[in-house]
Every structure is written in structure tokens, then in C-alpha cells.
Amino acid sequence: MNLRLTEEQQEALRERAEVEGRSMHAVVVRAIERYLDEGTDREAVRKLGAKYAARHSDLLRRLGE
């Protein structure tokens, strides 16, 4: 895989990595991990919401009245 960044993005990444005392590679990998975790978390919350909405539909309907 090749990651093509603008000069501005690459410089910002270089600066961030330097401030954190990590490599640019490590910063990018961590950003990807966070992105993927966030999507997984969203999906889990969506599924739980649907489950409890179905289970408590009568209560939710009454609350909406």
C-alpha cells in the first residue's frame, strides 16, 4: 500500500510524530486503529439500540404520547 499525502499533510504528520516522540508510521497506524475501532463501536451501539427499541417498543410509544 502506498499512502500519498500532500506536502502540507506530510509536514503536519512529521511534526506530530516528532512532538509525540514516535515515527510517522506509528502515528498513522494508531490513527487507522482508532478509525476502525470507532466504526466497530458505532455498529455495536446501533445494534444494541435496535435490540432495546424492539424490546421496549410499548414503553417508547407511551413515552412519546
PDB file of N, CA and C in Angstrom:
ATOM      1  N   MET A   1       0.842  -1.175   0.000  1.00  0.00           N
ATOM      2  CA  MET A   1       0.000   0.000   0.000  1.00  0.00           C
ATOM      3  C   MET A   1       0.888   1.240   0.000  1.00  0.00           C
ATOM      4  N   ASN A   2       0.501   2.193  -0.774  1.00  0.00           N
ATOM      5  CA  ASN A   2       1.189   3.480  -0.787  1.00  0.00           C
ATOM      6  C   ASN A   2       0.239   4.537  -0.247  1.00  0.00           C
ATOM      7  N   LEU A   3       0.740   5.403   0.587  1.00  0.00           N
ATOM      8  CA  LEU A   3      -0.053   6.499   1.136  1.00  0.00           C
ATOM      9  C   LEU A   3       0.473   7.786   0.535  1.00  0.00           C
ATOM     10  N   ARG A   4      -0.367   8.443  -0.231  1.00  0.00           N
ATOM     11  CA  ARG A   4       0.044   9.682  -0.883  1.00  0.00           C
ATOM     12  C   ARG A   4      -0.529  10.871  -0.105  1.00  0.00           C
ATOM     13  N   LEU A   5       0.350  11.652   0.452  1.00  0.00           N
ATOM     14  CA  LEU A   5      -0.044  12.825   1.227  1.00  0.00           C
ATOM     15  C   LEU A   5       0.397  14.079   0.497  1.00  0.00           C
ATOM     16  N   THR A   6      -0.324  15.167   0.734  1.00  0.00           N
ATOM     17  CA  THR A   6       0.146  16.451   0.233  1.00  0.00           C
ATOM     18  C   THR A   6       1.373  16.843   1.050  1.00  0.00           C
ATOM     19  N   GLU A   7       2.105  17.803   0.560  1.00  0.00           N
ATOM     20  CA  GLU A   7       3.280  18.268   1.320  1.00  0.00           C
ATOM     21  C   GLU A   7       2.864  18.789   2.685  1.00  0.00           C
ATOM     22  N   GLU A   8       1.731  19.474   2.729  1.00  0.00           N
ATOM     23  CA  GLU A   8       1.242  20.028   3.989  1.00  0.00           C
ATOM     24  C   GLU A   8       0.874  18.907   4.967  1.00  0.00           C
ATOM     25  N   GLN A   9       0.211  17.878   4.473  1.00  0.00           N
ATOM     26  CA  GLN A   9      -0.152  16.747   5.328  1.00  0.00           C
ATOM     27  C   GLN A   9       1.082  16.028   5.842  1.00  0.00           C
ATOM     28  N   GLN A  10       2.038  15.826   4.956  1.00  0.00           N
ATOM     29  CA  GLN A  10       3.259  15.131   5.366  1.00  0.00           C
ATOM     30  C   GLN A  10       4.028  15.944   6.407  1.00  0.00           C
ATOM     31  N   GLU A  11       4.084  17.236   6.239  1.00  0.00           N
ATOM     32  CA  GLU A  11       4.787  18.078   7.205  1.00  0.00           C
ATOM     33  C   GLU A  11       4.055  18.063   8.551  1.00  0.00           C
ATOM     34  N   ALA A  12       2.723  18.143   8.521  1.00  0.00           N
ATOM     35  CA  ALA A  12       1.946  18.100   9.765  1.00  0.00           C
ATOM     36  C   ALA A  12       2.142  16.756  10.465  1.00  0.00           C
ATOM     37  N   LEU A  13       2.172  15.685   9.693  1.00  0.00           N
ATOM     38  CA  LEU A  13       2.402  14.356  10.258  1.00  0.00           C
ATOM     39  C   LEU A  13       3.795  14.258  10.856  1.00  0.00           C
ATOM     40  N   ARG A  14       4.772  14.782  10.158  1.00  0.00           N
ATOM     41  CA  ARG A  14       6.155  14.766  10.655  1.00  0.00           C
ATOM     42  C   ARG A  14       6.254  15.529  11.977  1.00  0.00           C
ATOM     43  N   GLU A  15       5.608  16.694  12.030  1.00  0.00           N
ATOM     44  CA  GLU A  15       5.639  17.500  13.257  1.00  0.00           C
ATOM     45  C   GLU A  15       4.947  16.780  14.410  1.00  0.00           C
ATOM     46  N   ARG A  16       3.791  16.169  14.135  1.00  0.00           N
ATOM     47  CA  ARG A  16       3.060  15.450  15.178  1.00  0.00           C
ATOM     48  C   ARG A  16       3.883  14.288  15.702  1.00  0.00           C
ATOM     49  N   ALA A  17       4.494  13.542  14.808  1.00  0.00           N
ATOM     50  CA  ALA A  17       5.312  12.397  15.205  1.00  0.00           C
ATOM     51  C   ALA A  17       6.485  12.857  16.065  1.00  0.00           C
ATOM     52  N   GLU A  18       7.085  13.966  15.678  1.00  0.00           N
ATOM     53  CA  GLU A  18       8.221  14.482  16.449  1.00  0.00           C
ATOM     54  C   GLU A  18       7.785  14.901  17.848  1.00  0.00           C
ATOM     55  N   VAL A  19       6.657  15.589  17.947  1.00  0.00           N
ATOM     56  CA  VAL A  19       6.142  16.035  19.252  1.00  0.00           C
ATOM     57  C   VAL A  19       5.848  14.830  20.142  1.00  0.00           C
ATOM     58  N   GLU A  20       5.293  13.776  19.543  1.00  0.00           N
ATOM     59  CA  GLU A  20       4.932  12.585  20.307  1.00  0.00           C
ATOM     60  C   GLU A  20       6.106  11.643  20.531  1.00  0.00           C
ATOM     61  N   GLY A  21       7.221  11.911  19.876  1.00  0.00           N
ATOM     62  CA  GLY A  21       8.382  11.041  20.022  1.00  0.00           C
ATOM     63  C   GLY A  21       8.171   9.675  19.388  1.00  0.00           C
ATOM     64  N   ARG A  22       7.397   9.665  18.315  1.00  0.00           N
ATOM     65  CA  ARG A  22       7.112   8.403  17.619  1.00  0.00           C
ATOM     66  C   ARG A  22       7.409   8.579  16.135  1.00  0.00           C
ATOM     67  N   SER A  23       7.430   7.472  15.427  1.00  0.00           N
ATOM     68  CA  SER A  23       7.643   7.540  13.982  1.00  0.00           C
ATOM     69  C   SER A  23       6.345   7.954  13.300  1.00  0.00           C
ATOM     70  N   MET A  24       6.476   8.467  12.070  1.00  0.00           N
ATOM     71  CA  MET A  24       5.287   8.815  11.300  1.00  0.00           C
ATOM     72  C   MET A  24       4.449   7.556  11.067  1.00  0.00           C
ATOM     73  N   HIS A  25       5.119   6.459  10.832  1.00  0.00           N
ATOM     74  CA  HIS A  25       4.424   5.188  10.624  1.00  0.00           C
ATOM     75  C   HIS A  25       3.564   4.844  11.843  1.00  0.00           C
ATOM     76  N   ALA A  26       4.127   4.962  13.033  1.00  0.00           N
ATOM     77  CA  ALA A  26       3.390   4.639  14.260  1.00  0.00           C
ATOM     78  C   ALA A  26       2.183   5.547  14.437  1.00  0.00           C
ATOM     79  N   VAL A  27       2.322   6.818  14.104  1.00  0.00           N
ATOM     80  CA  VAL A  27       1.208   7.758  14.230  1.00  0.00           C
ATOM     81  C   VAL A  27       0.093   7.383  13.253  1.00  0.00           C
ATOM     82  N   VAL A  28       0.447   7.048  12.026  1.00  0.00           N
ATOM     83  CA  VAL A  28      -0.551   6.679  11.025  1.00  0.00           C
ATOM     84  C   VAL A  28      -1.253   5.378  11.413  1.00  0.00           C
ATOM     85  N   VAL A  29      -0.495   4.381  11.855  1.00  0.00           N
ATOM     86  CA  VAL A  29      -1.094   3.108  12.251  1.00  0.00           C
ATOM     87  C   VAL A  29      -2.081   3.322  13.393  1.00  0.00           C
ATOM     88  N   ARG A  30      -1.720   4.128  14.378  1.00  0.00           N
ATOM     89  CA  ARG A  30      -2.620   4.393  15.510  1.00  0.00           C
ATOM     90  C   ARG A  30      -3.880   5.119  15.045  1.00  0.00           C
ATOM     91  N   ALA A  31      -3.751   6.048  14.113  1.00  0.00           N
ATOM     92  CA  ALA A  31      -4.912   6.769  13.580  1.00  0.00           C
ATOM     93  C   ALA A  31      -5.856   5.801  12.866  1.00  0.00           C
ATOM     94  N   ILE A  32      -5.309   4.868  12.123  1.00  0.00           N
ATOM     95  CA  ILE A  32      -6.127   3.871  11.428  1.00  0.00           C
ATOM     96  C   ILE A  32      -6.824   2.970  12.437  1.00  0.00           C
ATOM     97  N   GLU A  33      -6.110   2.553  13.474  1.00  0.00           N
ATOM     98  CA  GLU A  33      -6.720   1.716  14.513  1.00  0.00           C
ATOM     99  C   GLU A  33      -7.889   2.430  15.171  1.00  0.00           C
ATOM    100  N   ARG A  34      -7.705   3.694  15.491  1.00  0.00           N
ATOM    101  CA  ARG A  34      -8.792   4.469  16.120  1.00  0.00           C
ATOM    102  C   ARG A  34      -9.990   4.577  15.186  1.00  0.00           C
ATOM    103  N   TYR A  35      -9.736   4.834  13.929  1.00  0.00           N
ATOM    104  CA  TYR A  35     -10.804   4.939  12.935  1.00  0.00           C
ATOM    105  C   TYR A  35     -11.593   3.635  12.851  1.00  0.00           C
ATOM    106  N   LEU A  36     -10.899   2.524  12.782  1.00  0.00           N
ATOM    107  CA  LEU A  36     -11.559   1.222  12.684  1.00  0.00           C
ATOM    108  C   LEU A  36     -12.322   0.883  13.958  1.00  0.00           C
ATOM    109  N   ASP A  37     -11.748   1.188  15.113  1.00  0.00           N
ATOM    110  CA  ASP A  37     -12.435   0.952  16.392  1.00  0.00           C
ATOM    111  C   ASP A  37     -13.708   1.782  16.489  1.00  0.00           C
ATOM    112  N   GLU A  38     -13.648   3.015  16.032  1.00  0.00           N
ATOM    113  CA  GLU A  38     -14.798   3.910  16.088  1.00  0.00           C
ATOM    114  C   GLU A  38     -15.956   3.338  15.268  1.00  0.00           C
ATOM    115  N   GLY A  39     -15.665   2.820  14.091  1.00  0.00           N
ATOM    116  CA  GLY A  39     -16.703   2.214  13.258  1.00  0.00           C
ATOM    117  C   GLY A  39     -17.295   0.991  13.919  1.00  0.00           C
ATOM    118  N   THR A  40     -16.469   0.177  14.538  1.00  0.00           N
ATOM    119  CA  THR A  40     -16.941  -1.017  15.244  1.00  0.00           C
ATOM    120  C   THR A  40     -17.829  -0.618  16.414  1.00  0.00           C
ATOM    121  N   ASP A  41     -17.420   0.398  17.159  1.00  0.00           N
ATOM    122  CA  ASP A  41     -18.213   0.873  18.297  1.00  0.00           C
ATOM    123  C   ASP A  41     -19.569   1.393  17.830  1.00  0.00           C
ATOM    124  N   ARG A  42     -19.589   2.149  16.745  1.00  0.00           N
ATOM    125  CA  ARG A  42     -20.841   2.684  16.225  1.00  0.00           C
ATOM    126  C   ARG A  42     -21.806   1.568  15.851  1.00  0.00           C
ATOM    127  N   GLU A  43     -21.282   0.543  15.205  1.00  0.00           N
ATOM    128  CA  GLU A  43     -22.115  -0.586  14.797  1.00  0.00           C
ATOM    129  C   GLU A  43     -22.673  -1.317  16.010  1.00  0.00           C
ATOM    130  N   ALA A  44     -21.868  -1.504  17.043  1.00  0.00           N
ATOM    131  CA  ALA A  44     -22.332  -2.173  18.255  1.00  0.00           C
ATOM    132  C   ALA A  44     -23.433  -1.365  18.927  1.00  0.00           C
ATOM    133  N   VAL A  45     -23.281  -0.066  19.003  1.00  0.00           N
ATOM    134  CA  VAL A  45     -24.298   0.796  19.614  1.00  0.00           C
ATOM    135  C   VAL A  45     -25.582   0.755  18.786  1.00  0.00           C
ATOM    136  N   ARG A  46     -25.458   0.776  17.468  1.00  0.00           N
ATOM    137  CA  ARG A  46     -26.630   0.715  16.601  1.00  0.00           C
ATOM    138  C   ARG A  46     -27.406  -0.579  16.830  1.00  0.00           C
ATOM    139  N   LYS A  47     -26.674  -1.695  16.906  1.00  0.00           N
ATOM    140  CA  LYS A  47     -27.330  -2.984  17.125  1.00  0.00           C
ATOM    141  C   LYS A  47     -28.017  -3.043  18.484  1.00  0.00           C
ATOM    142  N   LEU A  48     -27.335  -2.555  19.529  1.00  0.00           N
ATOM    143  CA  LEU A  48     -27.952  -2.550  20.861  1.00  0.00           C
ATOM    144  C   LEU A  48     -29.174  -1.646  20.898  1.00  0.00           C
ATOM    145  N   GLY A  49     -29.085  -0.499  20.246  1.00  0.00           N
ATOM    146  CA  GLY A  49     -30.227   0.413  20.199  1.00  0.00           C
ATOM    147  C   GLY A  49     -31.431  -0.220  19.536  1.00  0.00           C
ATOM    148  N   ALA A  50     -31.197  -0.907  18.432  1.00  0.00           N
ATOM    149  CA  ALA A  50     -32.289  -1.580  17.730  1.00  0.00           C
ATOM    150  C   ALA A  50     -32.883  -2.695  18.589  1.00  0.00           C
ATOM    151  N   LYS A  51     -32.016  -3.432  19.268  1.00  0.00           N
ATOM    152  CA  LYS A  51     -32.467  -4.530  20.126  1.00  0.00           C
ATOM    153  C   LYS A  51     -33.376  -4.012  21.247  1.00  0.00           C
ATOM    154  N   TYR A  52     -32.932  -2.970  21.948  1.00  0.00           N
ATOM    155  CA  TYR A  52     -33.708  -2.451  23.071  1.00  0.00           C
ATOM    156  C   TYR A  52     -34.924  -1.652  22.615  1.00  0.00           C
ATOM    157  N   ALA A  53     -34.845  -1.030  21.459  1.00  0.00           N
ATOM    158  CA  ALA A  53     -36.021  -0.337  20.930  1.00  0.00           C
ATOM    159  C   ALA A  53     -37.125  -1.342  20.630  1.00  0.00           C
ATOM    160  N   ALA A  54     -36.749  -2.491  20.058  1.00  0.00           N
ATOM    161  CA  ALA A  54     -37.742  -3.537  19.768  1.00  0.00           C
ATOM    162  C   ALA A  54     -38.284  -4.126  21.063  1.00  0.00           C
ATOM    163  N   ARG A  55     -37.403  -4.373  22.009  1.00  0.00           N
ATOM    164  CA  ARG A  55     -37.806  -4.993  23.274  1.00  0.00           C
ATOM    165  C   ARG A  55     -38.731  -4.072  24.075  1.00  0.00           C
ATOM    166  N   HIS A  56     -38.509  -2.778  23.999  1.00  0.00           N
ATOM    167  CA  HIS A  56     -39.266  -1.830  24.818  1.00  0.00           C
ATOM    168  C   HIS A  56     -40.127  -0.902  23.960  1.00  0.00           C
ATOM    169  N   SER A  57     -40.594  -1.408  22.836  1.00  0.00           N
ATOM    170  CA  SER A  57     -41.360  -0.565  21.907  1.00  0.00           C
ATOM    171  C   SER A  57     -42.618   0.014  22.551  1.00  0.00           C
ATOM    172  N   ASP A  58     -43.293  -0.776  23.388  1.00  0.00           N
ATOM    173  CA  ASP A  58     -44.511  -0.285  24.036  1.00  0.00           C
ATOM    174  C   ASP A  58     -44.193   0.891  24.957  1.00  0.00           C
ATOM    175  N   LEU A  59     -43.154   0.750  25.743  1.00  0.00           N
ATOM    176  CA  LEU A  59     -42.752   1.829  26.645  1.00  0.00           C
ATOM    177  C   LEU A  59     -42.356   3.075  25.855  1.00  0.00           C
ATOM    178  N   LEU A  60     -41.601   2.898  24.806  1.00  0.00           N
ATOM    179  CA  LEU A  60     -41.187   4.048  23.993  1.00  0.00           C
ATOM    180  C   LEU A  60     -42.387   4.737  23.350  1.00  0.00           C
ATOM    181  N   ARG A  61     -43.352   3.938  22.905  1.00  0.00           N
ATOM    182  CA  ARG A  61     -44.567   4.517  22.334  1.00  0.00           C
ATOM    183  C   ARG A  61     -45.302   5.338  23.369  1.00  0.00           C
ATOM    184  N   ARG A  62     -45.453   4.800  24.594  1.00  0.00           N
ATOM    185  CA  ARG A  62     -46.156   5.514  25.657  1.00  0.00           C
ATOM    186  C   ARG A  62     -45.418   6.794  26.057  1.00  0.00           C
ATOM    187  N   LEU A  63     -44.106   6.730  26.080  1.00  0.00           N
ATOM    188  CA  LEU A  63     -43.324   7.934  26.413  1.00  0.00           C
ATOM    189  C   LEU A  63     -43.506   9.025  25.364  1.00  0.00           C
ATOM    190  N   GLY A  64     -43.727   8.597  24.138  1.00  0.00           N
ATOM    191  CA  GLY A  64     -43.921   9.555  23.052  1.00  0.00           C
ATOM    192  C   GLY A  64     -45.301  10.206  23.022  1.00  0.00           C
ATOM    193  N   GLU A  65     -46.219   9.677  23.813  1.00  0.00           N
ATOM    194  CA  GLU A  65     -47.590  10.225  23.828  1.00  0.00           C
ATOM    195  C   GLU A  65     -47.695  11.468  24.660  1.00  0.00           C
TER     196      GLU A  65
END
